[in-house]
Amino acid sequence: MKVISLEDTDLTLPQVAEMAKRGPVILTQKGKPMASVKRLSRSDWEGCALADNPQFQALVEKSRRSFEREGGIRLRDLRKELRLTAEPHRRSRKKKRR
């Protein structure tokens, strides 16, 4: 992880982005962390986009309130309701070699 003081650098944003390919870059201002720059995968990008989306956050909160009031549905019951006959694929855990 690289820490860069904004007051003490003349790096450009493309240069910082290039550095982030090798690991997170923390930008500080007046000695305090201000921002983090890191390489994103597609799933990371989607997560960031949704995390700051007010409509998505409202939907999540509505769903949580509904679950607290009314409870939920078990996965096997949902599969039955949707007429899904095959069991979901489960990943097998591989034993780690020592």
C-alpha atoms as a PDB file:
ATOM      1  CA  MET A   1       0.000   0.000   0.000  1.00  0.00           C
ATOM      2  CA  LYS A   2       1.319   3.404  -0.980  1.00  0.00           C
ATOM      3  CA  VAL A   3       0.476   6.605   0.937  1.00  0.00           C
ATOM      4  CA  ILE A   4       0.695   9.910  -0.921  1.00  0.00           C
ATOM      5  CA  SER A   5       0.376  13.347   0.636  1.00  0.00           C
ATOM      6  CA  LEU A   6      -1.532  15.601  -1.745  1.00  0.00           C
ATOM      7  CA  GLU A   7       0.404  18.619  -0.520  1.00  0.00           C
ATOM      8  CA  ASP A   8       3.752  17.022  -1.361  1.00  0.00           C
ATOM      9  CA  THR A   9       3.137  15.464  -4.768  1.00  0.00           C
ATOM     10  CA  ASP A  10       2.919  16.498  -8.380  1.00  0.00           C
ATOM     11  CA  LEU A  11       1.612  13.093  -9.542  1.00  0.00           C
ATOM     12  CA  THR A  12      -1.221  13.151 -12.028  1.00  0.00           C
ATOM     13  CA  LEU A  13      -4.373  11.064 -11.695  1.00  0.00           C
ATOM     14  CA  PRO A  14      -3.287   8.694 -14.499  1.00  0.00           C
ATOM     15  CA  GLN A  15       0.000   8.148 -12.633  1.00  0.00           C
ATOM     16  CA  VAL A  16      -1.846   7.357  -9.391  1.00  0.00           C
ATOM     17  CA  ALA A  17      -4.173   5.002 -11.298  1.00  0.00           C
ATOM     18  CA  GLU A  18      -1.135   3.203 -12.705  1.00  0.00           C
ATOM     19  CA  MET A  19       0.295   2.851  -9.190  1.00  0.00           C
ATOM     20  CA  ALA A  20      -3.032   1.376  -8.009  1.00  0.00           C
ATOM     21  CA  LYS A  21      -2.529  -1.571 -10.364  1.00  0.00           C
ATOM     22  CA  ARG A  22       0.163  -2.756  -7.949  1.00  0.00           C
ATOM     23  CA  GLY A  23      -1.827  -2.130  -4.751  1.00  0.00           C
ATOM     24  CA  PRO A  24      -4.054   0.380  -2.963  1.00  0.00           C
ATOM     25  CA  VAL A  25      -2.972   4.017  -2.937  1.00  0.00           C
ATOM     26  CA  ILE A  26      -4.084   6.164   0.001  1.00  0.00           C
ATOM     27  CA  LEU A  27      -4.253   9.909  -0.594  1.00  0.00           C
ATOM     28  CA  THR A  28      -3.852  12.101   2.450  1.00  0.00           C
ATOM     29  CA  GLN A  29      -4.586  15.761   2.997  1.00  0.00           C
ATOM     30  CA  LYS A  30      -3.064  17.543   5.978  1.00  0.00           C
ATOM     31  CA  GLY A  31      -1.905  14.143   7.252  1.00  0.00           C
ATOM     32  CA  LYS A  32      -5.403  12.608   7.266  1.00  0.00           C
ATOM     33  CA  PRO A  33      -6.624   9.902   4.878  1.00  0.00           C
ATOM     34  CA  MET A  34      -8.901  11.456   2.272  1.00  0.00           C
ATOM     35  CA  ALA A  35      -9.321   8.887  -0.491  1.00  0.00           C
ATOM     36  CA  SER A  36      -8.275   5.454  -1.586  1.00  0.00           C
ATOM     37  CA  VAL A  37      -7.504   4.448  -5.151  1.00  0.00           C
ATOM     38  CA  LYS A  38      -7.546   0.754  -5.960  1.00  0.00           C
ATOM     39  CA  ARG A  39      -7.883  -1.472  -8.973  1.00  0.00           C
ATOM     40  CA  LEU A  40     -11.461  -2.645  -9.466  1.00  0.00           C
ATOM     41  CA  SER A  41     -12.797  -5.841 -10.933  1.00  0.00           C
ATOM     42  CA  ARG A  42     -16.179  -5.787 -12.650  1.00  0.00           C
ATOM     43  CA  SER A  43     -17.913  -7.001  -9.482  1.00  0.00           C
ATOM     44  CA  ASP A  44     -16.108  -4.358  -7.391  1.00  0.00           C
ATOM     45  CA  TRP A  45     -17.276  -1.669  -9.794  1.00  0.00           C
ATOM     46  CA  GLU A  46     -20.867  -2.868  -9.620  1.00  0.00           C
ATOM     47  CA  GLY A  47     -20.713  -2.972  -5.815  1.00  0.00           C
ATOM     48  CA  CYS A  48     -19.388   0.594  -5.642  1.00  0.00           C
ATOM     49  CA  ALA A  49     -22.023   1.816  -8.069  1.00  0.00           C
ATOM     50  CA  LEU A  50     -24.827   0.214  -6.061  1.00  0.00           C
ATOM     51  CA  ALA A  51     -23.463   1.246  -2.666  1.00  0.00           C
ATOM     52  CA  ASP A  52     -23.938   4.928  -3.521  1.00  0.00           C
ATOM     53  CA  ASN A  53     -27.225   4.544  -5.415  1.00  0.00           C
ATOM     54  CA  PRO A  54     -30.074   6.014  -3.308  1.00  0.00           C
ATOM     55  CA  GLN A  55     -32.741   3.995  -5.137  1.00  0.00           C
ATOM     56  CA  PHE A  56     -30.897   0.732  -4.472  1.00  0.00           C
ATOM     57  CA  GLN A  57     -30.336   1.662  -0.828  1.00  0.00           C
ATOM     58  CA  ALA A  58     -34.051   2.467  -0.438  1.00  0.00           C
ATOM     59  CA  LEU A  59     -34.944  -0.925  -1.939  1.00  0.00           C
ATOM     60  CA  VAL A  60     -32.591  -2.713   0.462  1.00  0.00           C
ATOM     61  CA  GLU A  61     -34.049  -0.850   3.442  1.00  0.00           C
ATOM     62  CA  LYS A  62     -37.617  -1.604   2.318  1.00  0.00           C
ATOM     63  CA  SER A  63     -36.720  -5.282   1.983  1.00  0.00           C
ATOM     64  CA  ARG A  64     -35.148  -5.352   5.465  1.00  0.00           C
ATOM     65  CA  ARG A  65     -38.236  -3.796   7.041  1.00  0.00           C
ATOM     66  CA  SER A  66     -40.470  -6.275   5.217  1.00  0.00           C
ATOM     67  CA  PHE A  67     -38.338  -9.196   6.404  1.00  0.00           C
ATOM     68  CA  GLU A  68     -38.462  -7.948  10.018  1.00  0.00           C
ATOM     69  CA  ARG A  69     -42.282  -7.597   9.884  1.00  0.00           C
ATOM     70  CA  GLU A  70     -43.244 -10.597   7.797  1.00  0.00           C
ATOM     71  CA  GLY A  71     -40.300 -12.973   7.868  1.00  0.00           C
ATOM     72  CA  GLY A  72     -38.804 -14.611   4.843  1.00  0.00           C
ATOM     73  CA  ILE A  73     -39.109 -17.681   2.673  1.00  0.00           C
ATOM     74  CA  ARG A  74     -36.791 -20.681   2.768  1.00  0.00           C
ATOM     75  CA  LEU A  75     -34.755 -21.313  -0.371  1.00  0.00           C
ATOM     76  CA  ARG A  76     -36.239 -24.770  -0.930  1.00  0.00           C
ATOM     77  CA  ASP A  77     -39.761 -23.287  -0.732  1.00  0.00           C
ATOM     78  CA  LEU A  78     -38.844 -20.599  -3.238  1.00  0.00           C
ATOM     79  CA  ARG A  79     -37.360 -23.207  -5.592  1.00  0.00           C
ATOM     80  CA  LYS A  80     -40.569 -25.237  -5.292  1.00  0.00           C
ATOM     81  CA  GLU A  81     -42.734 -22.161  -5.956  1.00  0.00           C
ATOM     82  CA  LEU A  82     -40.667 -21.327  -9.045  1.00  0.00           C
ATOM     83  CA  ARG A  83     -40.776 -24.967 -10.166  1.00  0.00           C
ATOM     84  CA  LEU A  84     -37.006 -25.302 -10.127  1.00  0.00           C
ATOM     85  CA  THR A  85     -36.270 -28.985  -9.837  1.00  0.00           C
ATOM     86  CA  ALA A  86     -32.494 -29.069  -9.886  1.00  0.00           C
ATOM     87  CA  GLU A  87     -30.649 -28.403  -6.679  1.00  0.00           C
ATOM     88  CA  PRO A  88     -28.368 -25.374  -6.724  1.00  0.00           C
ATOM     89  CA  HIS A  89     -24.760 -26.096  -7.651  1.00  0.00           C
ATOM     90  CA  ARG A  90     -22.566 -26.270  -4.584  1.00  0.00           C
ATOM     91  CA  ARG A  91     -18.853 -25.740  -4.758  1.00  0.00           C
ATOM     92  CA  SER A  92     -16.819 -28.522  -3.293  1.00  0.00           C
ATOM     93  CA  ARG A  93     -14.251 -27.430  -0.802  1.00  0.00           C
ATOM     94  CA  LYS A  94     -10.792 -28.526  -1.727  1.00  0.00           C
ATOM     95  CA  LYS A  95      -8.487 -29.467   1.078  1.00  0.00           C
ATOM     96  CA  LYS A  96      -5.484 -27.235   1.419  1.00  0.00           C
ATOM     97  CA  ARG A  97      -2.119 -28.876   1.044  1.00  0.00           C
ATOM     98  CA  ARG A  98       0.339 -28.363   3.814  1.00  0.00           C
END
